[in-house]
C-alpha atoms as a PDB file:
ATOM      1  CA  MET A   1      -5.577  -1.912  -1.198  1.00  0.00           C
ATOM      2  CA  GLN A   2      -3.002  -1.750  -3.960  1.00  0.00           C
ATOM      3  CA  SER A   3       0.133  -3.850  -3.490  1.00  0.00           C
ATOM      4  CA  SER A   4       3.479  -2.064  -3.417  1.00  0.00           C
ATOM      5  CA  ARG A   5       4.562  -4.292  -6.307  1.00  0.00           C
ATOM      6  CA  ASP A   6       1.704  -3.224  -8.545  1.00  0.00           C
ATOM      7  CA  THR A   7       2.488  -0.957 -11.453  1.00  0.00           C
ATOM      8  CA  PRO A   8       0.088   1.711 -12.686  1.00  0.00           C
ATOM      9  CA  PHE A   9      -0.796  -0.584 -15.600  1.00  0.00           C
ATOM     10  CA  SER A  10      -0.967  -3.907 -13.751  1.00  0.00           C
ATOM     11  CA  SER A  11      -4.748  -3.859 -13.650  1.00  0.00           C
ATOM     12  CA  LEU A  12      -4.926  -3.668 -17.430  1.00  0.00           C
ATOM     13  CA  GLY A  13      -3.719  -7.222 -17.914  1.00  0.00           C
ATOM     14  CA  LYS A  14      -1.554  -8.495 -20.732  1.00  0.00           C
ATOM     15  CA  ARG A  15      -4.124  -7.920 -23.449  1.00  0.00           C
ATOM     16  CA  GLY A  16      -4.780  -4.432 -22.171  1.00  0.00           C
ATOM     17  CA  LEU A  17      -1.090  -3.529 -22.316  1.00  0.00           C
ATOM     18  CA  THR A  18      -0.854  -4.812 -25.870  1.00  0.00           C
ATOM     19  CA  ALA A  19      -3.953  -2.821 -26.833  1.00  0.00           C
ATOM     20  CA  LEU A  20      -2.488   0.288 -25.207  1.00  0.00           C
ATOM     21  CA  GLU A  21       0.695   0.082 -27.291  1.00  0.00           C
ATOM     22  CA  LEU A  22      -1.319  -0.488 -30.449  1.00  0.00           C
ATOM     23  CA  ALA A  23      -3.498   2.513 -29.580  1.00  0.00           C
ATOM     24  CA  LEU A  24      -0.366   4.642 -29.203  1.00  0.00           C
ATOM     25  CA  GLY A  25       0.682   3.476 -32.649  1.00  0.00           C
ATOM     26  CA  GLY A  26      -2.709   4.630 -33.904  1.00  0.00           C
ATOM     27  CA  VAL A  27      -2.082   8.060 -32.395  1.00  0.00           C
ATOM     28  CA  VAL A  28       1.255   8.268 -34.232  1.00  0.00           C
ATOM     29  CA  LEU A  29      -0.540   7.257 -37.445  1.00  0.00           C
ATOM     30  CA  SER A  30      -3.058  10.065 -36.936  1.00  0.00           C
ATOM     31  CA  LEU A  31      -0.356  12.648 -36.226  1.00  0.00           C
ATOM     32  CA  LEU A  32       1.802  11.719 -39.222  1.00  0.00           C
ATOM     33  CA  GLY A  33      -1.240  11.302 -41.439  1.00  0.00           C
ATOM     34  CA  GLY A  34      -2.345  14.814 -40.561  1.00  0.00           C
ATOM     35  CA  LEU A  35       1.111  16.381 -40.805  1.00  0.00           C
ATOM     36  CA  LEU A  36       2.313  15.017 -44.146  1.00  0.00           C
ATOM     37  CA  PRO A  37      -0.702  16.047 -46.255  1.00  0.00           C
ATOM     38  CA  ALA A  38      -0.576  19.482 -44.614  1.00  0.00           C
ATOM     39  CA  LEU A  39       2.977  19.931 -45.876  1.00  0.00           C
ATOM     40  CA  LEU A  40       2.548  18.185 -49.234  1.00  0.00           C
ATOM     41  CA  PRO A  41       0.088  18.340 -52.118  1.00  0.00           C
ATOM     42  CA  GLY A  42      -2.510  15.619 -52.290  1.00  0.00           C
ATOM     43  CA  SER A  43      -4.507  13.868 -49.613  1.00  0.00           C
ATOM     44  CA  LEU A  44      -4.540  10.477 -47.946  1.00  0.00           C
ATOM     45  CA  ASN A  45      -7.251   7.888 -48.192  1.00  0.00           C
ATOM     46  CA  TRP A  46      -7.855   7.670 -44.464  1.00  0.00           C
ATOM     47  CA  GLY A  47     -10.233   4.750 -44.775  1.00  0.00           C
ATOM     48  CA  LEU A  48      -7.606   2.496 -46.335  1.00  0.00           C
ATOM     49  CA  ALA A  49      -4.815   3.698 -44.010  1.00  0.00           C
ATOM     50  CA  ILE A  50      -6.944   2.987 -40.939  1.00  0.00           C
ATOM     51  CA  LEU A  51      -8.104  -0.366 -42.339  1.00  0.00           C
ATOM     52  CA  CYS A  52      -4.492  -1.364 -42.978  1.00  0.00           C
ATOM     53  CA  TYR A  53      -3.378  -0.452 -39.457  1.00  0.00           C
ATOM     54  CA  ALA A  54      -6.506  -1.880 -37.821  1.00  0.00           C
ATOM     55  CA  THR A  55      -5.964  -5.218 -39.576  1.00  0.00           C
ATOM     56  CA  THR A  56      -2.356  -5.270 -38.374  1.00  0.00           C
ATOM     57  CA  SER A  57      -3.510  -4.468 -34.825  1.00  0.00           C
ATOM     58  CA  ALA A  58      -6.122  -7.236 -34.912  1.00  0.00           C
ATOM     59  CA  VAL A  59      -3.489  -9.773 -35.969  1.00  0.00           C
ATOM     60  CA  VAL A  60      -1.161  -8.621 -33.178  1.00  0.00           C
ATOM     61  CA  MET A  61      -3.942  -8.840 -30.579  1.00  0.00           C
ATOM     62  CA  THR A  62      -4.773 -12.355 -31.778  1.00  0.00           C
ATOM     63  CA  TYR A  63      -1.272 -13.834 -31.860  1.00  0.00           C
ATOM     64  CA  TRP A  64       0.636 -11.843 -29.205  1.00  0.00           C
ATOM     65  CA  PRO A  65      -0.700 -12.780 -25.721  1.00  0.00           C
ATOM     66  CA  TYR A  66       2.347 -11.657 -23.743  1.00  0.00           C
ATOM     67  CA  GLY A  67       1.538  -8.058 -22.860  1.00  0.00           C
ATOM     68  CA  PRO A  68       4.113  -5.370 -23.783  1.00  0.00           C
ATOM     69  CA  LEU A  69       5.375  -5.822 -27.320  1.00  0.00           C
ATOM     70  CA  GLY A  70       9.072  -5.418 -26.563  1.00  0.00           C
ATOM     71  CA  TRP A  71      11.444  -3.098 -28.381  1.00  0.00           C
ATOM     72  CA  ALA A  72      11.904  -5.201 -31.496  1.00  0.00           C
ATOM     73  CA  ASN A  73       8.162  -5.510 -32.086  1.00  0.00           C
ATOM     74  CA  ARG A  74       7.733  -1.798 -31.384  1.00  0.00           C
ATOM     75  CA  VAL A  75      10.134  -1.026 -34.220  1.00  0.00           C
ATOM     76  CA  THR A  76       8.105  -3.356 -36.441  1.00  0.00           C
ATOM     77  CA  LEU A  77       4.936  -1.596 -35.301  1.00  0.00           C
ATOM     78  CA  ALA A  78       6.485   1.703 -36.404  1.00  0.00           C
ATOM     79  CA  ARG A  79       6.957   0.073 -39.814  1.00  0.00           C
ATOM     80  CA  ALA A  80       3.264  -0.862 -39.758  1.00  0.00           C
ATOM     81  CA  VAL A  81       2.375   2.809 -39.266  1.00  0.00           C
ATOM     82  CA  LEU A  82       4.511   3.828 -42.260  1.00  0.00           C
ATOM     83  CA  VAL A  83       3.105   1.036 -44.438  1.00  0.00           C
ATOM     84  CA  ALA A  84      -0.441   2.140 -43.559  1.00  0.00           C
ATOM     85  CA  LEU A  85       0.438   5.700 -44.601  1.00  0.00           C
ATOM     86  CA  VAL A  86       1.849   4.458 -47.922  1.00  0.00           C
ATOM     87  CA  ALA A  87      -1.377   2.522 -48.490  1.00  0.00           C
ATOM     88  CA  GLY A  88      -3.429   5.656 -47.870  1.00  0.00           C
ATOM     89  CA  ALA A  89      -1.238   7.707 -50.210  1.00  0.00           C
ATOM     90  CA  LEU A  90      -1.465   5.130 -53.015  1.00  0.00           C
ATOM     91  CA  ALA A  91      -5.255   5.083 -52.843  1.00  0.00           C
ATOM     92  CA  ASN A  92      -5.452   8.848 -53.433  1.00  0.00           C
ATOM     93  CA  GLU A  93      -3.502  11.314 -55.528  1.00  0.00           C
ATOM     94  CA  ALA A  94      -0.985  11.977 -52.737  1.00  0.00           C
ATOM     95  CA  PHE A  95       1.489   9.350 -53.960  1.00  0.00           C
ATOM     96  CA  SER A  96       1.653  10.563 -57.545  1.00  0.00           C
ATOM     97  CA  VAL A  97       1.900  14.286 -56.776  1.00  0.00           C
ATOM     98  CA  ALA A  98       4.506  13.922 -54.002  1.00  0.00           C
ATOM     99  CA  MET A  99       6.195  10.698 -55.083  1.00  0.00           C
ATOM    100  CA  TRP A 100       9.669  11.499 -53.762  1.00  0.00           C
ATOM    101  CA  THR A 101       8.384  12.042 -50.236  1.00  0.00           C
ATOM    102  CA  TRP A 102       6.348   8.859 -50.190  1.00  0.00           C
ATOM    103  CA  LEU A 103       9.237   6.889 -51.631  1.00  0.00           C
ATOM    104  CA  ILE A 104      11.343   8.207 -48.743  1.00  0.00           C
ATOM    105  CA  VAL A 105       8.655   6.975 -46.327  1.00  0.00           C
ATOM    106  CA  ALA A 106       8.882   3.539 -47.975  1.00  0.00           C
ATOM    107  CA  VAL A 107      12.696   3.639 -47.763  1.00  0.00           C
ATOM    108  CA  VAL A 108      12.516   4.437 -44.032  1.00  0.00           C
ATOM    109  CA  SER A 109      10.203   1.453 -43.647  1.00  0.00           C
ATOM    110  CA  LEU A 110      12.767  -0.704 -45.460  1.00  0.00           C
ATOM    111  CA  MET A 111      15.558   0.585 -43.167  1.00  0.00           C
ATOM    112  CA  LEU A 112      13.497  -0.264 -40.095  1.00  0.00           C
ATOM    113  CA  ASP A 113      13.254  -3.793 -41.489  1.00  0.00           C
ATOM    114  CA  GLY A 114      16.948  -4.220 -40.675  1.00  0.00           C
ATOM    115  CA  ILE A 115      16.806  -2.346 -37.390  1.00  0.00           C
ATOM    116  CA  ASP A 116      14.119  -4.489 -35.757  1.00  0.00           C
ATOM    117  CA  GLY A 117      16.218  -7.636 -36.209  1.00  0.00           C
ATOM    118  CA  TRP A 118      19.250  -5.869 -34.732  1.00  0.00           C
ATOM    119  CA  VAL A 119      17.165  -4.678 -31.773  1.00  0.00           C
ATOM    120  CA  ALA A 120      15.813  -8.195 -31.258  1.00  0.00           C
ATOM    121  CA  ARG A 121      19.335  -9.593 -31.036  1.00  0.00           C
ATOM    122  CA  ARG A 122      20.604  -6.801 -28.784  1.00  0.00           C
ATOM    123  CA  THR A 123      17.689  -7.061 -26.364  1.00  0.00           C
ATOM    124  CA  CYS A 124      17.307 -10.866 -26.590  1.00  0.00           C
ATOM    125  CA  SER A 125      13.680 -10.332 -27.607  1.00  0.00           C
ATOM    126  CA  TYR A 126      13.594 -12.492 -30.727  1.00  0.00           C
ATOM    127  CA  SER A 127      10.374 -14.481 -31.139  1.00  0.00           C
ATOM    128  CA  PRO A 128       8.726 -16.502 -33.927  1.00  0.00           C
ATOM    129  CA  PHE A 129       5.855 -14.011 -33.802  1.00  0.00           C
ATOM    130  CA  GLY A 130       8.228 -11.082 -34.334  1.00  0.00           C
ATOM    131  CA  ALA A 131       9.828 -12.773 -37.332  1.00  0.00           C
ATOM    132  CA  ARG A 132       6.394 -13.500 -38.849  1.00  0.00           C
ATOM    133  CA  PHE A 133       5.177  -9.971 -38.063  1.00  0.00           C
ATOM    134  CA  ASP A 134       8.194  -8.556 -39.874  1.00  0.00           C
ATOM    135  CA  MET A 135       7.751 -10.889 -42.864  1.00  0.00           C
ATOM    136  CA  GLU A 136       4.061 -10.096 -43.326  1.00  0.00           C
ATOM    137  CA  LEU A 137       4.785  -6.365 -43.329  1.00  0.00           C
ATOM    138  CA  ASP A 138       7.418  -6.958 -46.011  1.00  0.00           C
ATOM    139  CA  ALA A 139       4.819  -8.788 -48.086  1.00  0.00           C
ATOM    140  CA  LEU A 140       2.267  -6.013 -47.629  1.00  0.00           C
ATOM    141  CA  LEU A 141       4.768  -3.294 -48.560  1.00  0.00           C
ATOM    142  CA  ILE A 142       5.764  -5.194 -51.714  1.00  0.00           C
ATOM    143  CA  LEU A 143       2.096  -5.555 -52.673  1.00  0.00           C
ATOM    144  CA  LEU A 144       1.473  -1.828 -52.162  1.00  0.00           C
ATOM    145  CA  LEU A 145       4.538  -0.837 -54.189  1.00  0.00           C
ATOM    146  CA  SER A 146       3.464  -3.229 -56.949  1.00  0.00           C
ATOM    147  CA  VAL A 147       0.101  -1.496 -57.093  1.00  0.00           C
ATOM    148  CA  GLY A 148       1.843   1.883 -57.180  1.00  0.00           C
ATOM    149  CA  LEU A 149       4.073   0.747 -60.046  1.00  0.00           C
ATOM    150  CA  MET A 150       1.155  -0.573 -62.050  1.00  0.00           C
ATOM    151  CA  LEU A 151      -0.745   2.698 -61.634  1.00  0.00           C
ATOM    152  CA  SER A 152       2.160   5.079 -62.220  1.00  0.00           C
ATOM    153  CA  GLU A 153       3.976   3.300 -65.067  1.00  0.00           C
ATOM    154  CA  SER A 154       1.030   1.479 -66.677  1.00  0.00           C
ATOM    155  CA  LEU A 155       3.047  -1.732 -66.835  1.00  0.00           C
ATOM    156  CA  GLY A 156       0.039  -4.008 -66.693  1.00  0.00           C
ATOM    157  CA  GLY A 157      -1.387  -6.346 -64.109  1.00  0.00           C
ATOM    158  CA  TRP A 158       1.580  -8.729 -64.282  1.00  0.00           C
ATOM    159  CA  VAL A 159       3.514  -6.564 -61.803  1.00  0.00           C
ATOM    160  CA  LEU A 160       0.940  -7.508 -59.163  1.00  0.00           C
ATOM    161  CA  LEU A 161       2.397 -11.031 -59.214  1.00  0.00           C
ATOM    162  CA  MET A 162       5.305  -9.667 -57.164  1.00  0.00           C
ATOM    163  CA  GLY A 163       2.975  -8.558 -54.417  1.00  0.00           C
ATOM    164  CA  GLY A 164       0.489 -11.363 -54.759  1.00  0.00           C
ATOM    165  CA  MET A 165       2.761 -14.414 -55.049  1.00  0.00           C
ATOM    166  CA  ARG A 166       3.160 -14.882 -51.304  1.00  0.00           C
ATOM    167  CA  TYR A 167      -0.600 -14.679 -50.749  1.00  0.00           C
ATOM    168  CA  LEU A 168      -1.185 -17.172 -53.573  1.00  0.00           C
ATOM    169  CA  PHE A 169       1.358 -19.466 -51.913  1.00  0.00           C
ATOM    170  CA  ILE A 170      -0.488 -19.205 -48.580  1.00  0.00           C
ATOM    171  CA  ALA A 171      -3.838 -19.847 -50.276  1.00  0.00           C
ATOM    172  CA  ALA A 172      -2.394 -22.909 -52.022  1.00  0.00           C
ATOM    173  CA  GLY A 173      -1.316 -24.231 -48.625  1.00  0.00           C
ATOM    174  CA  TRP A 174      -4.948 -24.335 -47.529  1.00  0.00           C
ATOM    175  CA  GLY A 175      -5.678 -26.947 -50.185  1.00  0.00           C
ATOM    176  CA  VAL A 176      -2.321 -28.731 -50.364  1.00  0.00           C
ATOM    177  CA  ALA A 177      -1.154 -29.666 -46.883  1.00  0.00           C
ATOM    178  CA  TRP A 178       2.564 -30.090 -47.616  1.00  0.00           C
ATOM    179  CA  LEU A 179       2.785 -26.504 -48.895  1.00  0.00           C
ATOM    180  CA  SER A 180       1.925 -25.206 -45.428  1.00  0.00           C
ATOM    181  CA  ALA A 181       4.807 -27.031 -43.705  1.00  0.00           C
ATOM    182  CA  PRO A 182       7.462 -24.852 -41.998  1.00  0.00           C
ATOM    183  CA  LEU A 183      10.328 -23.669 -44.173  1.00  0.00           C
ATOM    184  CA  PHE A 184      13.991 -23.550 -43.187  1.00  0.00           C
ATOM    185  CA  ASP A 185      15.583 -20.167 -42.507  1.00  0.00           C
ATOM    186  CA  SER A 186      17.123 -18.839 -45.704  1.00  0.00           C
ATOM    187  CA  LEU A 187      19.478 -15.966 -46.499  1.00  0.00           C
ATOM    188  CA  ARG A 188      18.428 -16.348 -50.143  1.00  0.00           C
ATOM    189  CA  ARG A 189      14.804 -15.664 -49.221  1.00  0.00           C
ATOM    190  CA  LYS A 190      15.746 -12.531 -47.267  1.00  0.00           C
ATOM    191  CA  ALA A 191      17.986 -11.226 -50.067  1.00  0.00           C
ATOM    192  CA  VAL A 192      15.227 -11.717 -52.648  1.00  0.00           C
ATOM    193  CA  CYS A 193      12.761  -9.881 -50.403  1.00  0.00           C
ATOM    194  CA  VAL A 194      15.118  -6.912 -50.091  1.00  0.00           C
ATOM    195  CA  TRP A 195      15.634  -6.848 -53.856  1.00  0.00           C
ATOM    196  CA  GLN A 196      11.868  -6.811 -54.399  1.00  0.00           C
ATOM    197  CA  VAL A 197      11.529  -3.615 -52.380  1.00  0.00           C
ATOM    198  CA  VAL A 198      14.681  -1.994 -53.809  1.00  0.00           C
ATOM    199  CA  ALA A 199      13.713  -2.798 -57.422  1.00  0.00           C
ATOM    200  CA  LEU A 200      10.200  -1.481 -56.924  1.00  0.00           C
ATOM    201  CA  LEU A 201      11.441   1.711 -55.293  1.00  0.00           C
ATOM    202  CA  LEU A 202      13.921   2.302 -58.117  1.00  0.00           C
ATOM    203  CA  ALA A 203      11.251   1.608 -60.699  1.00  0.00           C
ATOM    204  CA  LEU A 204       8.906   4.088 -59.042  1.00  0.00           C
ATOM    205  CA  THR A 205      11.327   7.017 -58.955  1.00  0.00           C
ATOM    206  CA  PRO A 206      10.416   9.815 -61.406  1.00  0.00           C
ATOM    207  CA  LEU A 207      13.955   9.620 -62.836  1.00  0.00           C
ATOM    208  CA  THR A 208      13.415   6.055 -64.102  1.00  0.00           C
ATOM    209  CA  ASP A 209      12.081   5.739 -67.644  1.00  0.00           C
ATOM    210  CA  HIS A 210       9.386   3.263 -68.657  1.00  0.00           C
ATOM    211  CA  LEU A 211      11.769   0.670 -70.133  1.00  0.00           C
ATOM    212  CA  THR A 212      14.081   0.673 -67.108  1.00  0.00           C
ATOM    213  CA  ALA A 213      11.106   0.389 -64.760  1.00  0.00           C
ATOM    214  CA  SER A 214       9.876  -2.600 -66.763  1.00  0.00           C
ATOM    215  CA  LEU A 215      13.282  -4.310 -66.599  1.00  0.00           C
ATOM    216  CA  LEU A 216      13.588  -3.687 -62.852  1.00  0.00           C
ATOM    217  CA  ALA A 217      10.126  -5.104 -62.240  1.00  0.00           C
ATOM    218  CA  LEU A 218      10.859  -8.096 -64.481  1.00  0.00           C
ATOM    219  CA  SER A 219      14.136  -8.837 -62.655  1.00  0.00           C
ATOM    220  CA  ALA A 220      12.317  -8.699 -59.331  1.00  0.00           C
ATOM    221  CA  LEU A 221       9.602 -11.037 -60.573  1.00  0.00           C
ATOM    222  CA  ILE A 222      12.123 -13.533 -61.986  1.00  0.00           C
ATOM    223  CA  THR A 223      14.129 -13.690 -58.753  1.00  0.00           C
ATOM    224  CA  LEU A 224      10.945 -14.026 -56.700  1.00  0.00           C
ATOM    225  CA  THR A 225       9.659 -16.825 -58.922  1.00  0.00           C
ATOM    226  CA  TYR A 226      12.993 -18.618 -58.583  1.00  0.00           C
ATOM    227  CA  SER A 227      12.926 -18.277 -54.791  1.00  0.00           C
ATOM    228  CA  PHE A 228       9.394 -19.626 -54.499  1.00  0.00           C
ATOM    229  CA  SER A 229      10.244 -22.468 -56.881  1.00  0.00           C
ATOM    230  CA  VAL A 230      13.159 -23.528 -54.664  1.00  0.00           C
ATOM    231  CA  ASP A 231      10.921 -23.503 -51.582  1.00  0.00           C
ATOM    232  CA  VAL A 232       8.071 -25.391 -53.264  1.00  0.00           C
ATOM    233  CA  TRP A 233      10.474 -28.058 -54.568  1.00  0.00           C
ATOM    234  CA  TRP A 234      12.026 -28.452 -51.102  1.00  0.00           C
ATOM    235  CA  LEU A 235       8.570 -28.791 -49.502  1.00  0.00           C
ATOM    236  CA  TYR A 236       7.577 -31.329 -52.137  1.00  0.00           C
ATOM    237  CA  LYS A 237      10.612 -33.489 -51.363  1.00  0.00           C
ATOM    238  CA  GLN A 238       9.908 -33.240 -47.625  1.00  0.00           C
ATOM    239  CA  ARG A 239       6.177 -34.046 -47.856  1.00  0.00           C
ATOM    240  CA  ARG A 240       6.487 -37.724 -46.834  1.00  0.00           C
ATOM    241  CA  ARG A 241       8.694 -36.956 -43.837  1.00  0.00           C
END
């Protein structure tokens, strides 16, 4: 007999509740992914969009054992849906033929980046997982926009360093132990991340000429290299502690 305290979802368990929220996110992805191409020229690469969202969902299922995601993580999950759509658009002709719309989608994702932190503070739902979830989506969005810039402006493979530097840093930490140590919270790191996305978005707009796009991308790469250099030097000095 069911207890009076049981909820309709209590039998699902914590993992089941997490999976349910992720499945709802997948439904939103399907709805938006069907609506946008119907209104715009071009088509999405569904395989890549689904792979992107499925990978995000697998990471969440692995590292979030607490059941419902909470409002802050739900906002971040909405960002994951938008990032997956951008990935699907970049892989097909949709991004190039309807660039303004897809840039707006990326801008909305960037705006949600600020909202999820605000929601976390307002609802007292901040968690190390949420901060990492947010950061990894930032890194993925920067990588996708770097790919889009390379394809649309023919700037060369060097622009991929903006999107790939974080992943190279993580890979280096597998071989050099002190590089994988925790970093201190940094406003400089957050500001550089925001500039990466803003510079890439500006460089991708159809109104930006080739030279300006190159200078924007170069400024983003220089600031990112500086930021990583500061962190690597700090980790090097802390290695013996």
